[in-house]
Amino acid sequence: MPVEPDTPVEDTPVEDAPKRRRRRLRNARLAHITATTVVALLGAVVGVLLVPPTKVDVGPLIATVHLRPSLESDTVILLPPVGEVAFDTHTAPVRVEARVQGVDIEQAEQLLWSSEARAELTRTVPEDLTGAAARNAALNALFGAVGAGLAVGLTFRRLRRSLLAAGSAVTVVAASVGAVSLTFRPDSLYQPRFEGLLSQAAYVADVGQGALADYSGYRDTLAEFVGQVSALYIAADSLSPGIGSQDLITVLHVSDIHDNPQAFDVIEQLNGQFDIDAVIDTGDIVSWGTPFEHDLLSAIGDLDVPYVYIAGNHDSSVTAATVADQPNGIVLENEIVEVAGLRIAGVGDPRFAADDDSDAGGWREGDAAVQSSVFQLGETIVAHDEANPETTVDVALVHDPTQPEGLEGRVPLVLSGHMHTSSVELDRDGSGTDWMIVGSTGGALGSGGVRPVLDGGEPLDLTARLLYFDAETRRLVAYDDIVMGGLGLVSISVQRTQMPAEAPALEVPEDAEAPPTPTPTDLDIEPGEGLPDEERVTPTDPSVPLPEGSDGGEG
């Protein structure tokens, strides 16, 4: 009997060839599909990136709407020069971007004064925006299809494959837009994320104890938002014709920051957006004058404009020295400097008490010291003006405005803070001196700003003021009051005010010619030196001692 071989019988080449051919065909098909997909995707992306924004009139706003592929699923409204607002509105790889290009001033003013115009805006805003978004989505589908089809057609020279790629691009865009529509959440409009003037704003949403907003609420929110933005652009348009930016010196007045880092975000944004020539800070930049607070002040050095500062009653001598150490910091102590074409005089507050509540009607023990410092600054100004009649002082800075006699009739404009409330008094006491007080640019964060919220009331606003001086005459011609919502609020308003065409002549009132009592020797403020902390007036029984590192403490 023949013996069978032990080795297994291998497949013959004839049996193996079909499998290899099928494998090669599958690999080739997969490679073609992959290559076609990649090329189509790249072409579609290029096509979508070329989609122009869709113009739309949203009430008085002239805007554009643009849909973009993105990993961030949100709706963003760009508001030059305010910044941007983002809403987490949907779940889809699409970014809906709207940019405000300008505003019809006449229509915007009608909106602010007419209830019928506001009602019409409430009715039409959603349709205007969604209509523009739909048109832009159609353009995205068209451009994406053309981009994908051309890329595949030019690469592989196959008409069928090119048409398939174009159709797939349309399907993907349509699916993405459909996902945006299906997952859109109107209640997200109550939870914006701000960048720009309101970066770091703590927004507290209250949508009916967590209930979803109804469609009418959504309409009202959009209409209110459009109205607020319109007000911003109205302010920007209200300077009289013939006064161009090249003829103006623009100064930002801030005060009473009280340790709020958001204030420096505001300053930085305003500096970038309004072409500011200088910042003036009238004190209380911190709250207790302690070294650990001074790390905040490095933000001053990041600004590319001069920062003119006088100390407030909460600021220690170390605070002032820290500001002076910044490359752009200028600290005034009974002296005069020229900054951005303006002659500016200033003196720090002669008091030092972290728990001073004088702005709220509390401790007034240092009134005589404040009056003395104001008269000393007035004497410095008079001496300068007599020696320099062609370059007289334009602006004086004092922290506390409650003892004005020493400056009345001696300088055209005085800037102050301290009161945490903004006000303007033109021709104060008939002296020809205009006196402007700005509220707290930090919402008095470290000095009672949180207390109203804890008590169930409204927080203090964050306020600042833009001052516009004629570059030739150095006279104030207009100013903008900027008000932002404080803790837990999101709002912003800008109000433009024109100064009177004619300014009254300076005249010292009879009761302001000399201080009622001689200045004590220990309150003599040497120009450029100021008072050491231990010589500044403090409460009789201070609850907060002088901090370490100040002139009156150790170290």
Protein backbone atom coordinates (compact mmCIF):
# COMPACT_ATOMS: atom_id res chain seq x y z
CA MET A 1 0.00 0.00 0.00
CA PRO A 2 1.36 3.39 -0.83
CA VAL A 3 2.21 5.66 2.14
CA GLU A 4 0.53 9.10 2.29
CA PRO A 5 2.95 11.98 2.77
CA ASP A 6 2.98 13.63 6.25
CA THR A 7 3.27 17.23 4.99
CA PRO A 8 0.01 19.13 4.38
CA VAL A 9 -0.99 19.94 0.90
CA GLU A 10 -0.68 23.73 0.17
CA ASP A 11 -3.27 25.76 -1.75
CA THR A 12 -2.44 25.90 -5.37
CA PRO A 13 -1.66 29.27 -7.01
CA VAL A 14 -4.83 28.92 -9.08
CA GLU A 15 -6.95 28.77 -5.88
CA ASP A 16 -5.15 31.78 -4.19
CA ALA A 17 -5.27 34.28 -7.05
CA PRO A 18 -8.98 35.29 -6.76
CA LYS A 19 -8.59 36.06 -3.06
CA ARG A 20 -5.60 38.21 -3.71
CA ARG A 21 -7.39 40.03 -6.50
CA ARG A 22 -10.41 40.68 -4.29
CA ARG A 23 -8.17 41.93 -1.48
CA ARG A 24 -6.36 44.25 -3.86
CA LEU A 25 -9.66 45.54 -5.21
CA ARG A 26 -10.97 46.22 -1.69
CA ASN A 27 -7.78 48.04 -0.72
CA ALA A 28 -7.81 50.07 -3.91
CA ARG A 29 -11.49 50.97 -3.43
CA LEU A 30 -10.83 51.97 0.17
CA ALA A 31 -7.85 54.08 -0.89
CA HIS A 32 -9.93 55.78 -3.60
CA ILE A 33 -12.75 56.48 -1.14
CA THR A 34 -10.34 57.81 1.47
CA ALA A 35 -8.48 59.99 -1.01
CA THR A 36 -11.72 61.27 -2.51
CA THR A 37 -13.11 62.03 0.95
CA VAL A 38 -9.99 63.92 2.02
CA VAL A 39 -9.83 65.91 -1.21
CA ALA A 40 -13.57 66.64 -1.08
CA LEU A 41 -13.33 67.71 2.55
CA LEU A 42 -10.43 70.05 1.85
CA GLY A 43 -12.23 71.51 -1.14
CA ALA A 44 -15.43 71.98 0.84
CA VAL A 45 -13.55 73.69 3.68
CA VAL A 46 -11.88 76.07 1.23
CA GLY A 47 -15.24 76.76 -0.37
CA VAL A 48 -16.92 77.45 2.97
CA LEU A 49 -14.09 79.76 4.03
CA LEU A 50 -14.73 81.81 0.89
CA VAL A 51 -18.40 82.36 1.77
CA PRO A 52 -19.03 86.10 2.17
CA PRO A 53 -20.98 87.29 5.22
CA THR A 54 -24.66 87.97 4.68
CA LYS A 55 -25.70 91.58 5.27
CA VAL A 56 -28.83 92.23 7.32
CA ASP A 57 -30.54 95.21 8.96
CA VAL A 58 -31.58 94.32 12.50
CA GLY A 59 -33.67 97.29 13.51
CA PRO A 60 -31.25 100.22 13.36
CA LEU A 61 -28.18 97.98 13.36
CA ILE A 62 -26.32 97.28 10.14
CA ALA A 63 -24.86 93.81 10.62
CA THR A 64 -23.49 90.75 8.87
CA VAL A 65 -24.11 87.08 9.67
CA HIS A 66 -21.61 84.32 8.97
CA LEU A 67 -21.75 80.57 9.63
CA ARG A 68 -18.41 78.81 10.03
CA PRO A 69 -17.38 75.21 10.74
CA SER A 70 -15.99 75.14 14.27
CA LEU A 71 -15.41 72.90 17.26
CA GLU A 72 -17.02 75.62 19.40
CA SER A 73 -20.79 75.38 19.10
CA ASP A 74 -21.90 78.90 19.92
CA THR A 75 -23.33 82.14 18.62
CA VAL A 76 -21.00 85.16 18.80
CA ILE A 77 -21.96 88.80 18.34
CA LEU A 78 -19.02 91.10 17.58
CA LEU A 79 -19.61 94.68 18.74
CA PRO A 80 -16.82 97.02 17.70
CA PRO A 81 -15.64 98.83 19.79
CA VAL A 82 -17.28 97.18 22.80
CA GLY A 83 -15.97 93.65 22.38
CA GLU A 84 -17.91 90.46 21.80
CA VAL A 85 -20.70 88.46 23.40
CA ALA A 86 -20.96 84.68 23.07
CA PHE A 87 -23.97 82.44 23.74
CA ASP A 88 -23.91 78.64 24.03
CA THR A 89 -26.96 78.33 21.80
CA HIS A 90 -26.74 74.93 20.07
CA THR A 91 -25.03 71.55 19.73
CA ALA A 92 -23.41 71.29 16.31
CA PRO A 93 -19.92 71.93 14.87
CA VAL A 94 -20.98 75.38 13.65
CA ARG A 95 -20.13 78.88 14.88
CA VAL A 96 -22.77 81.49 14.10
CA GLU A 97 -21.02 84.85 13.96
CA ALA A 98 -22.76 88.21 13.71
CA ARG A 99 -20.80 91.45 13.39
CA VAL A 100 -22.32 94.88 13.95
CA GLN A 101 -20.92 97.14 11.23
CA GLY A 102 -22.69 100.34 12.20
CA VAL A 103 -26.01 101.88 13.05
CA ASP A 104 -28.63 104.08 11.43
CA ILE A 105 -28.48 106.91 13.98
CA GLU A 106 -31.85 108.42 13.07
CA GLN A 107 -33.63 105.06 13.32
CA ALA A 108 -31.80 104.24 16.56
CA GLU A 109 -32.97 107.48 18.16
CA GLN A 110 -36.55 106.66 17.15
CA LEU A 111 -36.12 103.27 18.81
CA LEU A 112 -35.06 104.84 22.09
CA TRP A 113 -38.04 107.19 22.22
CA SER A 114 -40.86 105.30 20.49
CA SER A 115 -42.77 102.41 22.06
CA GLU A 116 -44.15 101.53 18.61
CA ALA A 117 -40.63 101.23 17.22
CA ARG A 118 -39.62 98.96 20.10
CA ALA A 119 -42.70 96.78 19.56
CA GLU A 120 -41.89 96.47 15.86
CA LEU A 121 -38.30 95.58 16.71
CA THR A 122 -39.47 92.85 19.08
CA ARG A 123 -41.59 91.39 16.28
CA THR A 124 -38.99 91.48 13.52
CA VAL A 125 -35.61 90.82 15.17
CA PRO A 126 -35.80 86.99 15.30
CA GLU A 127 -36.98 86.75 11.67
CA ASP A 128 -34.26 89.16 10.51
CA LEU A 129 -31.51 87.17 12.17
CA THR A 130 -32.78 83.70 11.29
CA GLY A 131 -33.43 84.79 7.70
CA ALA A 132 -29.87 86.05 7.34
CA ALA A 133 -28.54 82.87 8.93
CA ALA A 134 -30.60 80.72 6.53
CA ARG A 135 -29.30 82.65 3.51
CA ASN A 136 -25.74 82.29 4.71
CA ALA A 137 -26.30 78.57 5.33
CA ALA A 138 -27.47 78.19 1.73
CA LEU A 139 -24.30 79.97 0.57
CA ASN A 140 -22.25 77.62 2.74
CA ALA A 141 -23.92 74.64 1.06
CA LEU A 142 -23.36 76.09 -2.41
CA PHE A 143 -19.74 77.09 -1.87
CA GLY A 144 -18.99 73.83 -0.06
CA ALA A 145 -20.48 71.80 -2.90
CA VAL A 146 -18.60 73.75 -5.56
CA GLY A 147 -15.36 73.51 -3.59
CA ALA A 148 -15.70 69.77 -3.02
CA GLY A 149 -16.77 69.07 -6.62
CA LEU A 150 -13.99 71.11 -8.17
CA ALA A 151 -11.33 69.65 -5.90
CA VAL A 152 -12.36 66.05 -6.68
CA GLY A 153 -12.91 66.74 -10.38
CA LEU A 154 -9.55 68.42 -10.87
CA THR A 155 -7.74 65.75 -8.86
CA PHE A 156 -9.29 62.54 -10.23
CA ARG A 157 -10.84 63.67 -13.54
CA ARG A 158 -14.03 61.72 -12.80
CA LEU A 159 -17.36 63.52 -13.31
CA ARG A 160 -19.39 60.98 -11.35
CA ARG A 161 -17.02 61.15 -8.39
CA SER A 162 -17.06 64.97 -8.55
CA LEU A 163 -20.87 65.11 -8.48
CA LEU A 164 -20.97 62.63 -5.61
CA ALA A 165 -18.55 64.79 -3.59
CA ALA A 166 -20.62 67.92 -4.25
CA GLY A 167 -23.79 66.18 -3.16
CA SER A 168 -22.12 64.86 -0.03
CA ALA A 169 -20.91 68.37 0.86
CA VAL A 170 -24.46 69.71 0.55
CA THR A 171 -25.72 66.89 2.75
CA VAL A 172 -23.11 67.55 5.44
CA VAL A 173 -23.79 71.32 5.49
CA ALA A 174 -27.54 70.73 5.56
CA ALA A 175 -27.18 68.23 8.41
CA SER A 176 -25.02 70.68 10.40
CA VAL A 177 -27.46 73.55 9.89
CA GLY A 178 -30.34 71.25 10.77
CA ALA A 179 -28.56 70.25 13.96
CA VAL A 180 -28.13 73.92 14.86
CA SER A 181 -31.84 74.53 14.33
CA LEU A 182 -32.99 71.43 16.21
CA THR A 183 -30.70 72.00 19.21
CA PHE A 184 -31.07 75.79 19.45
CA ARG A 185 -31.79 76.88 23.03
CA PRO A 186 -33.46 80.32 23.36
CA ASP A 187 -32.82 80.36 27.12
CA SER A 188 -29.07 80.54 26.43
CA LEU A 189 -29.54 84.21 25.49
CA TYR A 190 -29.89 84.88 29.21
CA GLN A 191 -26.38 83.50 29.85
CA PRO A 192 -23.87 85.48 27.75
CA ARG A 193 -20.10 85.33 27.98
CA PHE A 194 -18.53 88.76 27.53
CA GLU A 195 -15.11 89.67 26.22
CA GLY A 196 -13.88 93.21 25.86
CA LEU A 197 -15.28 95.90 28.12
CA LEU A 198 -17.08 93.29 30.21
CA SER A 199 -14.46 90.57 30.31
CA GLN A 200 -14.42 88.86 33.72
CA ALA A 201 -17.93 90.16 34.45
CA ALA A 202 -19.67 87.79 36.85
CA TYR A 203 -23.06 87.18 35.24
CA VAL A 204 -25.83 85.67 37.38
CA ALA A 205 -28.68 84.24 35.29
CA ASP A 206 -32.19 84.05 36.69
CA VAL A 207 -34.53 82.56 34.12
CA GLY A 208 -37.63 81.80 36.17
CA GLN A 209 -35.88 79.52 38.66
CA GLY A 210 -34.28 77.51 35.88
CA ALA A 211 -37.31 77.25 33.61
CA LEU A 212 -36.74 77.53 29.87
CA ALA A 213 -37.44 80.93 28.39
CA ASP A 214 -40.51 81.10 26.20
CA TYR A 215 -40.42 82.48 22.69
CA SER A 216 -41.81 85.85 23.72
CA GLY A 217 -39.01 86.19 26.27
CA TYR A 218 -36.51 85.32 23.57
CA ARG A 219 -37.90 88.07 21.36
CA ASP A 220 -37.83 90.62 24.17
CA THR A 221 -34.23 89.75 25.02
CA LEU A 222 -33.08 90.22 21.44
CA ALA A 223 -34.92 93.51 21.12
CA GLU A 224 -33.45 94.84 24.38
CA PHE A 225 -29.97 93.79 23.30
CA VAL A 226 -30.32 95.60 19.97
CA GLY A 227 -31.54 98.71 21.79
CA GLN A 228 -28.54 98.77 24.14
CA VAL A 229 -26.07 98.38 21.28
CA SER A 230 -27.81 101.15 19.37
CA ALA A 231 -27.36 103.49 22.34
CA LEU A 232 -23.61 102.88 22.26
CA TYR A 233 -23.33 103.90 18.63
CA ILE A 234 -25.55 106.95 19.13
CA ALA A 235 -23.05 108.21 21.71
CA ALA A 236 -20.16 107.67 19.33
CA ASP A 237 -21.91 109.76 16.67
CA SER A 238 -22.82 112.78 18.76
CA LEU A 239 -19.66 114.89 18.68
CA SER A 240 -20.28 118.04 16.68
CA PRO A 241 -19.06 118.11 13.08
CA GLY A 242 -15.71 119.76 12.53
CA ILE A 243 -14.03 118.21 15.58
CA GLY A 244 -12.01 115.30 14.28
CA SER A 245 -10.02 112.82 16.34
CA GLN A 246 -6.80 114.45 15.12
CA ASP A 247 -7.87 117.68 16.87
CA LEU A 248 -8.65 116.09 20.23
CA ILE A 249 -6.76 115.00 23.31
CA THR A 250 -8.63 112.03 24.79
CA VAL A 251 -8.21 111.34 28.52
CA LEU A 252 -9.76 108.49 30.49
CA HIS A 253 -10.72 109.43 34.07
CA VAL A 254 -10.96 106.51 36.53
CA SER A 255 -11.10 106.40 40.30
CA ASP A 256 -11.75 104.22 43.35
CA ILE A 257 -10.75 100.94 41.73
CA HIS A 258 -10.52 99.33 45.19
CA ASP A 259 -8.66 96.18 44.15
CA ASN A 260 -11.00 95.16 41.32
CA PRO A 261 -8.89 93.64 38.48
CA GLN A 262 -11.84 94.02 36.11
CA ALA A 263 -11.24 97.78 36.19
CA PHE A 264 -7.91 97.30 34.43
CA ASP A 265 -9.62 95.16 31.78
CA VAL A 266 -11.98 98.08 31.21
CA ILE A 267 -9.08 100.53 30.98
CA GLU A 268 -7.20 98.30 28.55
CA GLN A 269 -10.21 97.87 26.27
CA LEU A 270 -11.07 101.56 26.28
CA ASN A 271 -7.44 102.38 25.59
CA GLY A 272 -7.43 100.13 22.54
CA GLN A 273 -10.83 101.16 21.23
CA PHE A 274 -10.98 104.92 21.78
CA ASP A 275 -7.39 105.98 21.05
CA ILE A 276 -6.75 107.32 24.56
CA ASP A 277 -3.81 109.68 25.10
CA ALA A 278 -3.60 109.39 28.89
CA VAL A 279 -5.29 107.84 31.94
CA ILE A 280 -5.99 109.90 35.07
CA ASP A 281 -6.63 108.02 38.33
CA THR A 282 -7.88 110.10 41.27
CA GLY A 283 -7.07 107.61 43.99
CA ASP A 284 -8.20 104.70 46.15
CA ILE A 285 -6.70 102.26 43.71
CA VAL A 286 -6.47 99.76 46.61
CA SER A 287 -8.49 99.41 49.81
CA TRP A 288 -6.09 98.84 52.71
CA GLY A 289 -2.73 99.98 51.38
CA THR A 290 -1.13 96.62 52.10
CA PRO A 291 1.74 95.07 50.11
CA PHE A 292 -0.23 92.04 48.93
CA GLU A 293 -2.64 94.35 47.07
CA HIS A 294 0.15 95.95 45.08
CA ASP A 295 0.64 92.96 42.76
CA LEU A 296 -2.51 94.18 41.03
CA LEU A 297 -0.80 97.42 40.06
CA SER A 298 1.57 95.77 37.57
CA ALA A 299 -1.35 95.98 35.11
CA ILE A 300 -0.63 99.72 34.88
CA GLY A 301 2.72 99.01 33.26
CA ASP A 302 1.04 96.95 30.53
CA LEU A 303 -0.76 100.04 29.24
CA ASP A 304 0.95 101.96 26.46
CA VAL A 305 -0.21 105.41 27.63
CA PRO A 306 0.81 107.66 30.57
CA TYR A 307 -0.97 106.83 33.84
CA VAL A 308 -1.32 109.96 36.01
CA TYR A 309 -2.21 109.15 39.62
CA ILE A 310 -2.85 110.80 42.98
CA ALA A 311 -3.22 108.84 46.22
CA GLY A 312 -6.60 108.43 47.90
CA ASN A 313 -7.26 108.04 51.60
CA HIS A 314 -7.07 104.23 51.23
CA ASP A 315 -3.69 104.30 49.46
CA SER A 316 -0.44 104.08 51.41
CA SER A 317 2.83 105.72 50.42
CA VAL A 318 3.96 102.28 49.24
CA THR A 319 0.93 102.19 46.93
CA ALA A 320 1.99 105.49 45.39
CA ALA A 321 5.59 104.29 45.08
CA THR A 322 4.41 101.11 43.34
CA VAL A 323 2.49 103.17 40.79
CA ALA A 324 5.53 105.43 40.29
CA ASP A 325 7.68 102.35 39.65
CA GLN A 326 5.62 101.44 36.60
CA PRO A 327 7.27 102.57 33.34
CA ASN A 328 4.30 104.80 32.52
CA GLY A 329 3.32 105.76 36.08
CA ILE A 330 3.24 109.45 37.06
CA VAL A 331 2.44 110.26 40.72
CA LEU A 332 1.60 113.85 41.59
CA GLU A 333 2.21 115.39 45.03
CA ASN A 334 1.47 119.11 44.96
CA GLU A 335 3.17 119.45 41.58
CA ILE A 336 2.47 120.04 37.89
CA VAL A 337 3.38 117.93 34.86
CA GLU A 338 2.67 118.16 31.14
CA VAL A 339 1.13 114.98 29.73
CA ALA A 340 -0.32 114.52 26.24
CA GLY A 341 -0.28 118.30 25.71
CA LEU A 342 -2.15 119.09 28.95
CA ARG A 343 -0.76 120.77 32.09
CA ILE A 344 -2.00 118.67 35.02
CA ALA A 345 -1.67 119.53 38.72
CA GLY A 346 -2.43 117.12 41.54
CA VAL A 347 -2.07 116.34 45.21
CA GLY A 348 -2.67 113.14 47.20
CA ASP A 349 -5.18 112.83 50.02
CA PRO A 350 -3.62 113.93 53.35
CA ARG A 351 -5.54 111.25 55.25
CA PHE A 352 -4.70 107.58 55.53
CA ALA A 353 -7.28 105.23 56.98
CA ALA A 354 -8.34 101.95 55.45
CA ASP A 355 -11.65 102.02 57.33
CA ASP A 356 -12.53 105.61 56.43
CA ASP A 357 -16.22 105.74 55.56
CA SER A 358 -16.32 109.45 54.83
CA ASP A 359 -17.85 109.01 51.40
CA ALA A 360 -20.91 107.52 53.09
CA GLY A 361 -21.21 110.34 55.63
CA GLY A 362 -19.10 108.74 58.34
CA TRP A 363 -15.73 109.89 59.65
CA ARG A 364 -14.99 113.52 58.66
CA GLU A 365 -12.13 114.09 61.07
CA GLY A 366 -9.73 114.93 58.23
CA ASP A 367 -11.77 117.72 56.61
CA ALA A 368 -9.35 120.43 57.73
CA ALA A 369 -6.41 118.46 56.33
CA VAL A 370 -8.18 117.99 53.00
CA GLN A 371 -8.99 121.69 52.84
CA SER A 372 -5.36 122.52 53.59
CA SER A 373 -4.03 120.23 50.84
CA VAL A 374 -6.45 121.70 48.30
CA PHE A 375 -5.37 125.27 49.14
CA GLN A 376 -1.70 124.26 48.89
CA LEU A 377 -2.33 122.83 45.40
CA GLY A 378 -4.17 126.03 44.49
CA GLU A 379 -1.17 128.12 45.57
CA THR A 380 1.14 125.90 43.49
CA ILE A 381 -1.10 126.44 40.45
CA VAL A 382 -1.27 130.23 40.92
CA ALA A 383 2.52 130.46 41.24
CA HIS A 384 2.99 128.37 38.09
CA ASP A 385 0.48 130.34 36.06
CA GLU A 386 2.00 133.68 37.07
CA ALA A 387 5.42 132.45 35.96
CA ASN A 388 4.07 130.76 32.80
CA PRO A 389 1.14 132.80 31.47
CA GLU A 390 1.27 131.05 28.08
CA THR A 391 1.14 127.53 29.53
CA THR A 392 -1.28 127.74 32.44
CA VAL A 393 -2.62 124.66 34.24
CA ASP A 394 -5.53 122.96 32.48
CA VAL A 395 -6.64 120.29 34.97
CA ALA A 396 -6.27 119.79 38.74
CA LEU A 397 -6.66 116.47 40.58
CA VAL A 398 -7.81 115.96 44.17
CA HIS A 399 -9.31 112.81 45.60
CA ASP A 400 -11.99 114.25 47.89
CA PRO A 401 -14.21 116.94 46.29
CA THR A 402 -15.92 118.11 49.49
CA GLN A 403 -13.48 120.96 50.29
CA PRO A 404 -13.30 122.85 46.97
CA GLU A 405 -12.43 126.41 48.01
CA GLY A 406 -8.69 126.19 47.41
CA LEU A 407 -9.13 125.46 43.70
CA GLU A 408 -12.24 127.45 42.81
CA GLY A 409 -11.41 130.17 40.30
CA ARG A 410 -7.79 129.02 40.02
CA VAL A 411 -8.10 126.28 37.38
CA PRO A 412 -10.67 125.58 34.63
CA LEU A 413 -11.30 121.92 35.51
CA VAL A 414 -10.97 119.73 38.61
CA LEU A 415 -11.28 115.93 38.60
CA SER A 416 -12.10 113.95 41.75
CA GLY A 417 -13.38 110.60 42.95
CA HIS A 418 -14.02 109.36 46.52
CA MET A 419 -17.81 109.59 46.46
CA HIS A 420 -18.43 106.37 44.46
CA THR A 421 -21.07 108.31 42.51
CA SER A 422 -20.53 110.29 39.33
CA SER A 423 -21.55 113.94 39.05
CA VAL A 424 -20.69 117.10 37.13
CA GLU A 425 -20.93 120.66 38.46
CA LEU A 426 -20.17 123.36 35.92
CA ASP A 427 -19.04 126.82 37.09
CA ARG A 428 -18.93 125.64 40.70
CA ASP A 429 -19.97 128.39 43.13
CA GLY A 430 -19.78 130.90 40.27
CA SER A 431 -15.98 130.54 40.12
CA GLY A 432 -15.71 129.47 36.48
CA THR A 433 -14.22 126.14 37.64
CA ASP A 434 -15.92 122.98 36.37
CA TRP A 435 -15.80 120.09 38.84
CA MET A 436 -16.21 116.49 37.67
CA ILE A 437 -16.51 113.51 40.00
CA VAL A 438 -16.36 110.00 38.60
CA GLY A 439 -17.82 107.03 40.46
CA SER A 440 -16.00 103.82 41.30
CA THR A 441 -14.33 102.20 38.28
CA GLY A 442 -14.04 99.04 40.38
CA GLY A 443 -17.60 99.06 41.68
CA ALA A 444 -15.94 99.84 45.06
CA LEU A 445 -15.20 96.11 45.20
CA GLY A 446 -12.87 96.15 48.19
CA SER A 447 -14.70 99.00 49.95
CA GLY A 448 -18.32 98.06 50.40
CA GLY A 449 -19.13 97.07 46.83
CA VAL A 450 -20.22 93.58 47.86
CA ARG A 451 -22.38 94.78 50.75
CA PRO A 452 -25.40 95.92 48.67
CA VAL A 453 -25.53 92.51 47.00
CA LEU A 454 -25.40 90.69 50.35
CA ASP A 455 -28.19 92.93 51.59
CA GLY A 456 -30.36 92.03 48.61
CA GLY A 457 -29.90 95.33 46.79
CA GLU A 458 -28.29 96.41 43.53
CA PRO A 459 -24.48 96.42 43.31
CA LEU A 460 -22.54 99.57 42.51
CA ASP A 461 -21.94 100.22 38.83
CA LEU A 462 -18.47 100.32 37.33
CA THR A 463 -18.01 103.83 35.99
CA ALA A 464 -15.43 105.74 33.98
CA ARG A 465 -15.40 108.97 31.99
CA LEU A 466 -13.78 109.83 28.68
CA LEU A 467 -12.78 113.49 28.38
CA TYR A 468 -12.21 115.17 25.01
CA PHE A 469 -10.02 118.29 24.99
CA ASP A 470 -9.45 120.57 22.02
CA ALA A 471 -5.76 120.08 21.21
CA GLU A 472 -5.24 123.76 20.36
CA THR A 473 -7.11 125.50 23.18
CA ARG A 474 -6.79 122.62 25.70
CA ARG A 475 -10.40 123.26 26.67
CA LEU A 476 -12.78 120.39 27.44
CA VAL A 477 -15.30 120.13 24.58
CA ALA A 478 -17.20 116.90 25.39
CA TYR A 479 -17.21 113.88 27.67
CA ASP A 480 -18.61 110.34 27.68
CA ASP A 481 -20.00 108.76 30.84
CA ILE A 482 -19.44 104.99 30.64
CA VAL A 483 -21.47 102.86 33.04
CA MET A 484 -21.14 99.08 33.34
CA GLY A 485 -23.17 96.69 35.47
CA GLY A 486 -21.53 95.72 38.75
CA LEU A 487 -21.39 92.33 40.44
CA GLY A 488 -23.97 89.98 38.94
CA LEU A 489 -25.13 92.40 36.23
CA VAL A 490 -24.38 92.60 32.52
CA SER A 491 -25.08 95.99 30.98
CA ILE A 492 -23.19 98.87 29.47
CA SER A 493 -24.16 102.37 28.46
CA VAL A 494 -22.30 105.35 27.04
CA GLN A 495 -23.73 108.87 27.23
CA ARG A 496 -22.09 111.73 25.31
CA THR A 497 -22.36 115.30 26.66
CA GLN A 498 -21.21 118.45 24.87
CA MET A 499 -19.70 121.24 26.94
CA PRO A 500 -21.12 124.78 26.58
CA ALA A 501 -19.70 126.74 23.67
CA GLU A 502 -18.55 129.58 25.95
CA ALA A 503 -16.68 129.05 29.21
CA PRO A 504 -17.10 131.55 32.08
CA ALA A 505 -14.03 133.48 33.21
CA LEU A 506 -12.17 132.21 36.27
CA GLU A 507 -12.89 134.25 39.42
CA VAL A 508 -11.94 133.31 42.96
CA PRO A 509 -14.97 133.65 45.28
CA GLU A 510 -14.49 136.02 48.21
CA ASP A 511 -14.77 133.26 50.79
CA ALA A 512 -12.19 131.15 48.94
CA GLU A 513 -9.31 133.61 48.76
CA ALA A 514 -7.49 132.15 51.76
CA PRO A 515 -7.88 129.09 54.04
CA PRO A 516 -9.89 129.80 57.21
CA THR A 517 -7.01 128.59 59.39
CA PRO A 518 -3.23 128.50 58.76
CA THR A 519 -1.84 125.21 57.53
CA PRO A 520 -0.24 123.19 60.36
CA THR A 521 3.50 122.70 59.84
CA ASP A 522 3.18 118.93 59.81
CA LEU A 523 0.70 119.16 56.88
CA ASP A 524 3.02 121.16 54.61
CA ILE A 525 3.20 119.12 51.38
CA GLU A 526 6.53 119.58 49.65
CA PRO A 527 6.17 119.32 45.85
CA GLY A 528 7.08 115.83 44.73
CA GLU A 529 7.39 114.44 48.25
CA GLY A 530 3.95 114.21 49.84
CA LEU A 531 3.29 113.29 53.46
CA PRO A 532 4.68 110.18 55.15
CA ASP A 533 1.89 107.85 56.24
CA GLU A 534 2.55 108.48 59.94
CA GLU A 535 1.96 112.22 59.38
CA ARG A 536 -1.27 111.79 57.45
CA VAL A 537 -4.49 112.19 59.42
CA THR A 538 -5.94 108.91 60.69
CA PRO A 539 -9.02 108.06 62.76
CA THR A 540 -8.69 108.71 66.48
CA ASP A 541 -9.10 105.01 67.19
CA PRO A 542 -8.36 103.21 63.93
CA SER A 543 -9.63 99.64 63.65
CA VAL A 544 -7.05 98.95 60.96
CA PRO A 545 -3.41 99.76 61.83
CA LEU A 546 -0.87 101.08 59.36
CA PRO A 547 0.27 98.17 57.21
CA GLU A 548 3.76 96.75 57.26
CA GLY A 549 5.89 98.34 54.59
CA SER A 550 4.27 101.79 54.83
CA ASP A 551 6.20 104.77 56.18
CA GLY A 552 4.45 104.42 59.52
CA GLY A 553 5.04 100.69 59.99
CA GLU A 554 7.96 98.36 60.30
CA GLY A 555 9.72 96.81 57.35
